[in-house]
ModelCIF file with pLDDT and N, C-alpha, C, O atoms, coordinates in Angstrom:
data_MODEL
#
_entry.id   MODEL 
#
_entity.id                         1 
_entity.type                       polymer 
_entity.pdbx_number_of_molecules   1 
#
_entity_poly.entity_id                      1 
_entity_poly.type                           'polypeptide(L)' 
_entity_poly.nstd_linkage                   no 
_entity_poly.nstd_monomer                   no 
_entity_poly.pdbx_seq_one_letter_code       NHLDTPMDPQCRSYARLLDAVTRSPVADTPDDLSRHLARCVQCA 
_entity_poly.pdbx_seq_one_letter_code_can   NHLDTPMDPQCRSYARLLDAVTRSPVADTPDDLSRHLARCVQCA 
_entity_poly.pdbx_strand_id                 A 
#
loop_
_entity_poly_seq.entity_id 
_entity_poly_seq.num 
_entity_poly_seq.mon_id 
_entity_poly_seq.hetero 
1 1  ASN n 
1 2  HIS n 
1 3  LEU n 
1 4  ASP n 
1 5  THR n 
1 6  PRO n 
1 7  MET n 
1 8  ASP n 
1 9  PRO n 
1 10 GLN n 
1 11 CYS n 
1 12 ARG n 
1 13 SER n 
1 14 TYR n 
1 15 ALA n 
1 16 ARG n 
1 17 LEU n 
1 18 LEU n 
1 19 ASP n 
1 20 ALA n 
1 21 VAL n 
1 22 THR n 
1 23 ARG n 
1 24 SER n 
1 25 PRO n 
1 26 VAL n 
1 27 ALA n 
1 28 ASP n 
1 29 THR n 
1 30 PRO n 
1 31 ASP n 
1 32 ASP n 
1 33 LEU n 
1 34 SER n 
1 35 ARG n 
1 36 HIS n 
1 37 LEU n 
1 38 ALA n 
1 39 ARG n 
1 40 CYS n 
1 41 VAL n 
1 42 GLN n 
1 43 CYS n 
1 44 ALA n 
#
_struct_asym.id          A 
_struct_asym.entity_id   1 
#
loop_
_ma_qa_metric.id 
_ma_qa_metric.mode 
_ma_qa_metric.name 
_ma_qa_metric.software_group_id 
_ma_qa_metric.type 
1 global pLDDT . pLDDT 
2 local  pLDDT . pLDDT 
#
_ma_qa_metric_global.metric_id      1 
_ma_qa_metric_global.metric_value   86.82 
_ma_qa_metric_global.model_id       1 
_ma_qa_metric_global.ordinal_id     1 
#
loop_
_ma_qa_metric_local.label_asym_id 
_ma_qa_metric_local.label_comp_id 
_ma_qa_metric_local.label_seq_id 
_ma_qa_metric_local.metric_id 
_ma_qa_metric_local.metric_value 
_ma_qa_metric_local.model_id 
_ma_qa_metric_local.ordinal_id 
A ASN 1  2 91.00 1 1  
A HIS 2  2 91.00 1 2  
A LEU 3  2 90.00 1 3  
A ASP 4  2 90.00 1 4  
A THR 5  2 89.00 1 5  
A PRO 6  2 89.00 1 6  
A MET 7  2 87.00 1 7  
A ASP 8  2 87.00 1 8  
A PRO 9  2 88.00 1 9  
A GLN 10 2 86.00 1 10 
A CYS 11 2 89.00 1 11 
A ARG 12 2 88.00 1 12 
A SER 13 2 87.00 1 13 
A TYR 14 2 87.00 1 14 
A ALA 15 2 88.00 1 15 
A ARG 16 2 86.00 1 16 
A LEU 17 2 88.00 1 17 
A LEU 18 2 89.00 1 18 
A ASP 19 2 88.00 1 19 
A ALA 20 2 88.00 1 20 
A VAL 21 2 86.00 1 21 
A THR 22 2 89.00 1 22 
A ARG 23 2 86.00 1 23 
A SER 24 2 81.00 1 24 
A PRO 25 2 79.00 1 25 
A VAL 26 2 76.00 1 26 
A ALA 27 2 76.00 1 27 
A ASP 28 2 81.00 1 28 
A THR 29 2 83.00 1 29 
A PRO 30 2 86.00 1 30 
A ASP 31 2 87.00 1 31 
A ASP 32 2 87.00 1 32 
A LEU 33 2 86.00 1 33 
A SER 34 2 88.00 1 34 
A ARG 35 2 89.00 1 35 
A HIS 36 2 89.00 1 36 
A LEU 37 2 88.00 1 37 
A ALA 38 2 88.00 1 38 
A ARG 39 2 87.00 1 39 
A CYS 40 2 88.00 1 40 
A VAL 41 2 86.00 1 41 
A GLN 42 2 87.00 1 42 
A CYS 43 2 91.00 1 43 
A ALA 44 2 90.00 1 44 
#
loop_
_atom_site.group_PDB 
_atom_site.id 
_atom_site.type_symbol 
_atom_site.label_atom_id 
_atom_site.label_alt_id 
_atom_site.label_comp_id 
_atom_site.label_asym_id 
_atom_site.label_entity_id 
_atom_site.label_seq_id 
_atom_site.pdbx_PDB_ins_code 
_atom_site.Cartn_x 
_atom_site.Cartn_y 
_atom_site.Cartn_z 
_atom_site.occupancy 
_atom_site.B_iso_or_equiv 
_atom_site.pdbx_formal_charge 
_atom_site.auth_seq_id 
_atom_site.auth_comp_id 
_atom_site.auth_asym_id 
_atom_site.auth_atom_id 
_atom_site.pdbx_PDB_model_num 
ATOM 1   N N  . ASN A 1 1  ? 0.821  -1.211 0.000  1.00 91.00 ? 1  ASN A N  1 
ATOM 2   C CA . ASN A 1 1  ? 0.000  0.000  0.000  1.00 91.00 ? 1  ASN A CA 1 
ATOM 3   C C  . ASN A 1 1  ? 0.858  1.265  0.000  1.00 91.00 ? 1  ASN A C  1 
ATOM 4   O O  . ASN A 1 1  ? 0.474  2.278  -0.584 1.00 91.00 ? 1  ASN A O  1 
ATOM 5   N N  . HIS A 1 2  ? 2.006  1.204  0.648  1.00 91.00 ? 2  HIS A N  1 
ATOM 6   C CA . HIS A 1 2  ? 2.892  2.370  0.649  1.00 91.00 ? 2  HIS A CA 1 
ATOM 7   C C  . HIS A 1 2  ? 3.409  2.656  -0.762 1.00 91.00 ? 2  HIS A C  1 
ATOM 8   O O  . HIS A 1 2  ? 3.474  3.814  -1.174 1.00 91.00 ? 2  HIS A O  1 
ATOM 9   N N  . LEU A 1 3  ? 3.768  1.627  -1.489 1.00 90.00 ? 3  LEU A N  1 
ATOM 10  C CA . LEU A 1 3  ? 4.258  1.825  -2.855 1.00 90.00 ? 3  LEU A CA 1 
ATOM 11  C C  . LEU A 1 3  ? 3.138  2.277  -3.791 1.00 90.00 ? 3  LEU A C  1 
ATOM 12  O O  . LEU A 1 3  ? 3.397  2.946  -4.791 1.00 90.00 ? 3  LEU A O  1 
ATOM 13  N N  . ASP A 1 4  ? 1.887  1.912  -3.468 1.00 90.00 ? 4  ASP A N  1 
ATOM 14  C CA . ASP A 1 4  ? 0.758  2.340  -4.299 1.00 90.00 ? 4  ASP A CA 1 
ATOM 15  C C  . ASP A 1 4  ? 0.301  3.766  -3.978 1.00 90.00 ? 4  ASP A C  1 
ATOM 16  O O  . ASP A 1 4  ? -0.468 4.356  -4.738 1.00 90.00 ? 4  ASP A O  1 
ATOM 17  N N  . THR A 1 5  ? 0.768  4.316  -2.864 1.00 89.00 ? 5  THR A N  1 
ATOM 18  C CA . THR A 1 5  ? 0.337  5.654  -2.461 1.00 89.00 ? 5  THR A CA 1 
ATOM 19  C C  . THR A 1 5  ? 0.989  6.719  -3.335 1.00 89.00 ? 5  THR A C  1 
ATOM 20  O O  . THR A 1 5  ? 2.198  6.666  -3.561 1.00 89.00 ? 5  THR A O  1 
ATOM 21  N N  . PRO A 1 6  ? 0.223  7.677  -3.828 1.00 89.00 ? 6  PRO A N  1 
ATOM 22  C CA . PRO A 1 6  ? 0.844  8.791  -4.570 1.00 89.00 ? 6  PRO A CA 1 
ATOM 23  C C  . PRO A 1 6  ? 1.827  9.532  -3.665 1.00 89.00 ? 6  PRO A C  1 
ATOM 24  O O  . PRO A 1 6  ? 1.461  9.944  -2.564 1.00 89.00 ? 6  PRO A O  1 
ATOM 25  N N  . MET A 1 7  ? 3.061  9.703  -4.113 1.00 87.00 ? 7  MET A N  1 
ATOM 26  C CA . MET A 1 7  ? 4.081  10.374 -3.319 1.00 87.00 ? 7  MET A CA 1 
ATOM 27  C C  . MET A 1 7  ? 5.029  11.122 -4.237 1.00 87.00 ? 7  MET A C  1 
ATOM 28  O O  . MET A 1 7  ? 5.117  10.831 -5.430 1.00 87.00 ? 7  MET A O  1 
ATOM 29  N N  . ASP A 1 8  ? 5.737  12.088 -3.671 1.00 87.00 ? 8  ASP A N  1 
ATOM 30  C CA . ASP A 1 8  ? 6.659  12.879 -4.474 1.00 87.00 ? 8  ASP A CA 1 
ATOM 31  C C  . ASP A 1 8  ? 7.914  12.061 -4.774 1.00 87.00 ? 8  ASP A C  1 
ATOM 32  O O  . ASP A 1 8  ? 8.144  11.034 -4.136 1.00 87.00 ? 8  ASP A O  1 
ATOM 33  N N  . PRO A 1 9  ? 8.731  12.503 -5.738 1.00 88.00 ? 9  PRO A N  1 
ATOM 34  C CA . PRO A 1 9  ? 9.918  11.717 -6.147 1.00 88.00 ? 9  PRO A CA 1 
ATOM 35  C C  . PRO A 1 9  ? 10.882 11.435 -5.002 1.00 88.00 ? 9  PRO A C  1 
ATOM 36  O O  . PRO A 1 9  ? 11.493 10.367 -4.972 1.00 88.00 ? 9  PRO A O  1 
ATOM 37  N N  . GLN A 1 10 ? 11.032 12.352 -4.070 1.00 86.00 ? 10 GLN A N  1 
ATOM 38  C CA . GLN A 1 10 ? 11.965 12.101 -2.980 1.00 86.00 ? 10 GLN A CA 1 
ATOM 39  C C  . GLN A 1 10 ? 11.487 10.951 -2.097 1.00 86.00 ? 10 GLN A C  1 
ATOM 40  O O  . GLN A 1 10 ? 12.279 10.086 -1.724 1.00 86.00 ? 10 GLN A O  1 
ATOM 41  N N  . CYS A 1 11 ? 10.214 10.937 -1.767 1.00 89.00 ? 11 CYS A N  1 
ATOM 42  C CA . CYS A 1 11 ? 9.672  9.820  -0.986 1.00 89.00 ? 11 CYS A CA 1 
ATOM 43  C C  . CYS A 1 11 ? 9.788  8.514  -1.752 1.00 89.00 ? 11 CYS A C  1 
ATOM 44  O O  . CYS A 1 11 ? 10.088 7.468  -1.177 1.00 89.00 ? 11 CYS A O  1 
ATOM 45  N N  . ARG A 1 12 ? 9.547  8.583  -3.053 1.00 88.00 ? 12 ARG A N  1 
ATOM 46  C CA . ARG A 1 12 ? 9.665  7.384  -3.877 1.00 88.00 ? 12 ARG A CA 1 
ATOM 47  C C  . ARG A 1 12 ? 11.088 6.850  -3.860 1.00 88.00 ? 12 ARG A C  1 
ATOM 48  O O  . ARG A 1 12 ? 11.287 5.635  -3.842 1.00 88.00 ? 12 ARG A O  1 
ATOM 49  N N  . SER A 1 13 ? 12.073 7.723  -3.865 1.00 87.00 ? 13 SER A N  1 
ATOM 50  C CA . SER A 1 13 ? 13.464 7.280  -3.863 1.00 87.00 ? 13 SER A CA 1 
ATOM 51  C C  . SER A 1 13 ? 13.855 6.623  -2.550 1.00 87.00 ? 13 SER A C  1 
ATOM 52  O O  . SER A 1 13 ? 14.761 5.790  -2.521 1.00 87.00 ? 13 SER A O  1 
ATOM 53  N N  . TYR A 1 14 ? 13.185 6.988  -1.462 1.00 87.00 ? 14 TYR A N  1 
ATOM 54  C CA . TYR A 1 14 ? 13.502 6.408  -0.168 1.00 87.00 ? 14 TYR A CA 1 
ATOM 55  C C  . TYR A 1 14 ? 12.673 5.161  0.132  1.00 87.00 ? 14 TYR A C  1 
ATOM 56  O O  . TYR A 1 14 ? 12.943 4.494  1.131  1.00 87.00 ? 14 TYR A O  1 
ATOM 57  N N  . ALA A 1 15 ? 11.689 4.819  -0.677 1.00 88.00 ? 15 ALA A N  1 
ATOM 58  C CA . ALA A 1 15 ? 10.771 3.726  -0.360 1.00 88.00 ? 15 ALA A CA 1 
ATOM 59  C C  . ALA A 1 15 ? 11.498 2.392  -0.231 1.00 88.00 ? 15 ALA A C  1 
ATOM 60  O O  . ALA A 1 15 ? 11.284 1.670  0.743  1.00 88.00 ? 15 ALA A O  1 
ATOM 61  N N  . ARG A 1 16 ? 12.353 2.052  -1.193 1.00 86.00 ? 16 ARG A N  1 
ATOM 62  C CA . ARG A 1 16 ? 13.063 0.776  -1.152 1.00 86.00 ? 16 ARG A CA 1 
ATOM 63  C C  . ARG A 1 16 ? 14.079 0.743  -0.014 1.00 86.00 ? 16 ARG A C  1 
ATOM 64  O O  . ARG A 1 16 ? 14.245 -0.286 0.641  1.00 86.00 ? 16 ARG A O  1 
ATOM 65  N N  . LEU A 1 17 ? 14.759 1.866  0.223  1.00 88.00 ? 17 LEU A N  1 
ATOM 66  C CA . LEU A 1 17 ? 15.702 1.924  1.331  1.00 88.00 ? 17 LEU A CA 1 
ATOM 67  C C  . LEU A 1 17 ? 14.974 1.758  2.661  1.00 88.00 ? 17 LEU A C  1 
ATOM 68  O O  . LEU A 1 17 ? 15.475 1.090  3.566  1.00 88.00 ? 17 LEU A O  1 
ATOM 69  N N  . LEU A 1 18 ? 13.806 2.356  2.780  1.00 89.00 ? 18 LEU A N  1 
ATOM 70  C CA . LEU A 1 18 ? 13.017 2.214  3.999  1.00 89.00 ? 18 LEU A CA 1 
ATOM 71  C C  . LEU A 1 18 ? 12.612 0.763  4.228  1.00 89.00 ? 18 LEU A C  1 
ATOM 72  O O  . LEU A 1 18 ? 12.616 0.286  5.363  1.00 89.00 ? 18 LEU A O  1 
ATOM 73  N N  . ASP A 1 19 ? 12.269 0.071  3.172  1.00 88.00 ? 19 ASP A N  1 
ATOM 74  C CA . ASP A 1 19 ? 11.924 -1.342 3.269  1.00 88.00 ? 19 ASP A CA 1 
ATOM 75  C C  . ASP A 1 19 ? 13.111 -2.159 3.769  1.00 88.00 ? 19 ASP A C  1 
ATOM 76  O O  . ASP A 1 19 ? 12.954 -3.008 4.646  1.00 88.00 ? 19 ASP A O  1 
ATOM 77  N N  . ALA A 1 20 ? 14.274 -1.912 3.226  1.00 88.00 ? 20 ALA A N  1 
ATOM 78  C CA . ALA A 1 20 ? 15.463 -2.683 3.613  1.00 88.00 ? 20 ALA A CA 1 
ATOM 79  C C  . ALA A 1 20 ? 15.860 -2.405 5.060  1.00 88.00 ? 20 ALA A C  1 
ATOM 80  O O  . ALA A 1 20 ? 16.208 -3.328 5.796  1.00 88.00 ? 20 ALA A O  1 
ATOM 81  N N  . VAL A 1 21 ? 15.812 -1.143 5.468  1.00 86.00 ? 21 VAL A N  1 
ATOM 82  C CA . VAL A 1 21 ? 16.238 -0.789 6.824  1.00 86.00 ? 21 VAL A CA 1 
ATOM 83  C C  . VAL A 1 21 ? 15.296 -1.365 7.878  1.00 86.00 ? 21 VAL A C  1 
ATOM 84  O O  . VAL A 1 21 ? 15.750 -1.828 8.924  1.00 86.00 ? 21 VAL A O  1 
ATOM 85  N N  . THR A 1 22 ? 13.999 -1.340 7.613  1.00 89.00 ? 22 THR A N  1 
ATOM 86  C CA . THR A 1 22 ? 13.034 -1.798 8.621  1.00 89.00 ? 22 THR A CA 1 
ATOM 87  C C  . THR A 1 22 ? 12.924 -3.315 8.701  1.00 89.00 ? 22 THR A C  1 
ATOM 88  O O  . THR A 1 22 ? 12.311 -3.831 9.635  1.00 89.00 ? 22 THR A O  1 
ATOM 89  N N  . ARG A 1 23 ? 13.500 -4.042 7.749  1.00 86.00 ? 23 ARG A N  1 
ATOM 90  C CA . ARG A 1 23 ? 13.454 -5.505 7.805  1.00 86.00 ? 23 ARG A CA 1 
ATOM 91  C C  . ARG A 1 23 ? 14.402 -6.052 8.861  1.00 86.00 ? 23 ARG A C  1 
ATOM 92  O O  . ARG A 1 23 ? 14.120 -7.085 9.467  1.00 86.00 ? 23 ARG A O  1 
ATOM 93  N N  . SER A 1 24 ? 15.508 -5.384 9.086  1.00 81.00 ? 24 SER A N  1 
ATOM 94  C CA . SER A 1 24 ? 16.524 -5.896 9.996  1.00 81.00 ? 24 SER A CA 1 
ATOM 95  C C  . SER A 1 24 ? 16.414 -5.199 11.350 1.00 81.00 ? 24 SER A C  1 
ATOM 96  O O  . SER A 1 24 ? 16.285 -3.976 11.404 1.00 81.00 ? 24 SER A O  1 
ATOM 97  N N  . PRO A 1 25 ? 16.463 -5.970 12.456 1.00 79.00 ? 25 PRO A N  1 
ATOM 98  C CA . PRO A 1 25 ? 16.400 -5.332 13.778 1.00 79.00 ? 25 PRO A CA 1 
ATOM 99  C C  . PRO A 1 25 ? 17.686 -4.623 14.180 1.00 79.00 ? 25 PRO A C  1 
ATOM 100 O O  . PRO A 1 25 ? 17.691 -3.848 15.137 1.00 79.00 ? 25 PRO A O  1 
ATOM 101 N N  . VAL A 1 26 ? 18.790 -4.881 13.451 1.00 76.00 ? 26 VAL A N  1 
ATOM 102 C CA . VAL A 1 26 ? 20.078 -4.294 13.843 1.00 76.00 ? 26 VAL A CA 1 
ATOM 103 C C  . VAL A 1 26 ? 20.592 -3.290 12.827 1.00 76.00 ? 26 VAL A C  1 
ATOM 104 O O  . VAL A 1 26 ? 21.648 -2.692 13.032 1.00 76.00 ? 26 VAL A O  1 
ATOM 105 N N  . ALA A 1 27 ? 19.863 -3.094 11.734 1.00 76.00 ? 27 ALA A N  1 
ATOM 106 C CA . ALA A 1 27 ? 20.341 -2.180 10.693 1.00 76.00 ? 27 ALA A CA 1 
ATOM 107 C C  . ALA A 1 27 ? 20.245 -0.741 11.173 1.00 76.00 ? 27 ALA A C  1 
ATOM 108 O O  . ALA A 1 27 ? 19.250 -0.347 11.781 1.00 76.00 ? 27 ALA A O  1 
ATOM 109 N N  . ASP A 1 28 ? 21.280 0.039  10.898 1.00 81.00 ? 28 ASP A N  1 
ATOM 110 C CA . ASP A 1 28 ? 21.282 1.461  11.232 1.00 81.00 ? 28 ASP A CA 1 
ATOM 111 C C  . ASP A 1 28 ? 20.567 2.251  10.147 1.00 81.00 ? 28 ASP A C  1 
ATOM 112 O O  . ASP A 1 28 ? 20.672 1.940  8.960  1.00 81.00 ? 28 ASP A O  1 
ATOM 113 N N  . THR A 1 29 ? 19.845 3.269  10.567 1.00 83.00 ? 29 THR A N  1 
ATOM 114 C CA . THR A 1 29 ? 19.153 4.131  9.615  1.00 83.00 ? 29 THR A CA 1 
ATOM 115 C C  . THR A 1 29 ? 20.127 5.186  9.093  1.00 83.00 ? 29 THR A C  1 
ATOM 116 O O  . THR A 1 29 ? 20.690 5.942  9.884  1.00 83.00 ? 29 THR A O  1 
ATOM 117 N N  . PRO A 1 30 ? 20.333 5.252  7.788  1.00 86.00 ? 30 PRO A N  1 
ATOM 118 C CA . PRO A 1 30 ? 21.233 6.280  7.239  1.00 86.00 ? 30 PRO A CA 1 
ATOM 119 C C  . PRO A 1 30 ? 20.790 7.676  7.655  1.00 86.00 ? 30 PRO A C  1 
ATOM 120 O O  . PRO A 1 30 ? 19.606 7.922  7.887  1.00 86.00 ? 30 PRO A O  1 
ATOM 121 N N  . ASP A 1 31 ? 21.752 8.583  7.746  1.00 87.00 ? 31 ASP A N  1 
ATOM 122 C CA . ASP A 1 31 ? 21.461 9.937  8.219  1.00 87.00 ? 31 ASP A CA 1 
ATOM 123 C C  . ASP A 1 31 ? 20.461 10.658 7.330  1.00 87.00 ? 31 ASP A C  1 
ATOM 124 O O  . ASP A 1 31 ? 19.560 11.340 7.820  1.00 87.00 ? 31 ASP A O  1 
ATOM 125 N N  . ASP A 1 32 ? 20.626 10.501 5.998  1.00 87.00 ? 32 ASP A N  1 
ATOM 126 C CA . ASP A 1 32 ? 19.709 11.211 5.112  1.00 87.00 ? 32 ASP A CA 1 
ATOM 127 C C  . ASP A 1 32 ? 18.286 10.674 5.244  1.00 87.00 ? 32 ASP A C  1 
ATOM 128 O O  . ASP A 1 32 ? 17.332 11.450 5.192  1.00 87.00 ? 32 ASP A O  1 
ATOM 129 N N  . LEU A 1 33 ? 18.127 9.360  5.412  1.00 86.00 ? 33 LEU A N  1 
ATOM 130 C CA . LEU A 1 33 ? 16.792 8.787  5.611  1.00 86.00 ? 33 LEU A CA 1 
ATOM 131 C C  . LEU A 1 33 ? 16.225 9.231  6.958  1.00 86.00 ? 33 LEU A C  1 
ATOM 132 O O  . LEU A 1 33 ? 15.034 9.525  7.065  1.00 86.00 ? 33 LEU A O  1 
ATOM 133 N N  . SER A 1 34 ? 17.066 9.279  7.977  1.00 88.00 ? 34 SER A N  1 
ATOM 134 C CA . SER A 1 34 ? 16.594 9.715  9.285  1.00 88.00 ? 34 SER A CA 1 
ATOM 135 C C  . SER A 1 34 ? 16.080 11.151 9.229  1.00 88.00 ? 34 SER A C  1 
ATOM 136 O O  . SER A 1 34 ? 15.042 11.463 9.813  1.00 88.00 ? 34 SER A O  1 
ATOM 137 N N  . ARG A 1 35 ? 16.805 12.028 8.527  1.00 89.00 ? 35 ARG A N  1 
ATOM 138 C CA . ARG A 1 35 ? 16.342 13.415 8.408  1.00 89.00 ? 35 ARG A CA 1 
ATOM 139 C C  . ARG A 1 35 ? 15.044 13.488 7.612  1.00 89.00 ? 35 ARG A C  1 
ATOM 140 O O  . ARG A 1 35 ? 14.181 14.314 7.908  1.00 89.00 ? 35 ARG A O  1 
ATOM 141 N N  . HIS A 1 36 ? 14.901 12.626 6.602  1.00 89.00 ? 36 HIS A N  1 
ATOM 142 C CA . HIS A 1 36 ? 13.673 12.626 5.802  1.00 89.00 ? 36 HIS A CA 1 
ATOM 143 C C  . HIS A 1 36 ? 12.479 12.163 6.644  1.00 89.00 ? 36 HIS A C  1 
ATOM 144 O O  . HIS A 1 36 ? 11.391 12.729 6.543  1.00 89.00 ? 36 HIS A O  1 
ATOM 145 N N  . LEU A 1 37 ? 12.683 11.139 7.472  1.00 88.00 ? 37 LEU A N  1 
ATOM 146 C CA . LEU A 1 37 ? 11.589 10.642 8.311  1.00 88.00 ? 37 LEU A CA 1 
ATOM 147 C C  . LEU A 1 37 ? 11.166 11.673 9.349  1.00 88.00 ? 37 LEU A C  1 
ATOM 148 O O  . LEU A 1 37 ? 10.013 11.692 9.778  1.00 88.00 ? 37 LEU A O  1 
ATOM 149 N N  . ALA A 1 38 ? 12.099 12.529 9.750  1.00 88.00 ? 38 ALA A N  1 
ATOM 150 C CA . ALA A 1 38 ? 11.754 13.574 10.716 1.00 88.00 ? 38 ALA A CA 1 
ATOM 151 C C  . ALA A 1 38 ? 10.878 14.654 10.102 1.00 88.00 ? 38 ALA A C  1 
ATOM 152 O O  . ALA A 1 38 ? 10.172 15.363 10.818 1.00 88.00 ? 38 ALA A O  1 
ATOM 153 N N  . ARG A 1 39 ? 10.919 14.785 8.770  1.00 87.00 ? 39 ARG A N  1 
ATOM 154 C CA . ARG A 1 39 ? 10.148 15.844 8.103  1.00 87.00 ? 39 ARG A CA 1 
ATOM 155 C C  . ARG A 1 39 ? 8.884  15.319 7.415  1.00 87.00 ? 39 ARG A C  1 
ATOM 156 O O  . ARG A 1 39 ? 7.911  16.060 7.273  1.00 87.00 ? 39 ARG A O  1 
ATOM 157 N N  . CYS A 1 40 ? 8.884  14.073 6.992  1.00 88.00 ? 40 CYS A N  1 
ATOM 158 C CA . CYS A 1 40 ? 7.787  13.523 6.177  1.00 88.00 ? 40 CYS A CA 1 
ATOM 159 C C  . CYS A 1 40 ? 6.897  12.633 7.037  1.00 88.00 ? 40 CYS A C  1 
ATOM 160 O O  . CYS A 1 40 ? 7.318  11.556 7.459  1.00 88.00 ? 40 CYS A O  1 
ATOM 161 N N  . VAL A 1 41 ? 5.683  13.072 7.295  1.00 86.00 ? 41 VAL A N  1 
ATOM 162 C CA . VAL A 1 41 ? 4.756  12.302 8.115  1.00 86.00 ? 41 VAL A CA 1 
ATOM 163 C C  . VAL A 1 41 ? 4.363  11.003 7.429  1.00 86.00 ? 41 VAL A C  1 
ATOM 164 O O  . VAL A 1 41 ? 4.236  9.970  8.086  1.00 86.00 ? 41 VAL A O  1 
ATOM 165 N N  . GLN A 1 42 ? 4.173  11.043 6.131  1.00 87.00 ? 42 GLN A N  1 
ATOM 166 C CA . GLN A 1 42 ? 3.741  9.867  5.387  1.00 87.00 ? 42 GLN A CA 1 
ATOM 167 C C  . GLN A 1 42 ? 4.778  8.749  5.475  1.00 87.00 ? 42 GLN A C  1 
ATOM 168 O O  . GLN A 1 42 ? 4.423  7.599  5.732  1.00 87.00 ? 42 GLN A O  1 
ATOM 169 N N  . CYS A 1 43 ? 6.051  9.071  5.265  1.00 91.00 ? 43 CYS A N  1 
ATOM 170 C CA . CYS A 1 43 ? 7.099  8.051  5.330  1.00 91.00 ? 43 CYS A CA 1 
ATOM 171 C C  . CYS A 1 43 ? 7.347  7.590  6.766  1.00 91.00 ? 43 CYS A C  1 
ATOM 172 O O  . CYS A 1 43 ? 7.647  6.417  6.991  1.00 91.00 ? 43 CYS A O  1 
ATOM 173 N N  . ALA A 1 44 ? 7.227  8.492  7.737  1.00 90.00 ? 44 ALA A N  1 
ATOM 174 C CA . ALA A 1 44 ? 7.377  8.092  9.137  1.00 90.00 ? 44 ALA A CA 1 
ATOM 175 C C  . ALA A 1 44 ? 6.277  7.117  9.544  1.00 90.00 ? 44 ALA A C  1 
ATOM 176 O O  . ALA A 1 44 ? 6.241  6.670  10.691 1.00 90.00 ? 44 ALA A O  1 
#
């Protein structure tokens, strides 16, 4: 459903990275993704 949601290009570029990071319990969130999640309610 997240991939089907209309979103801007920046959110679209982070969608696959967000999937990979949230699959692993020990994976660190990259700084740029962390800053994006702090600003984007939809991706958070």
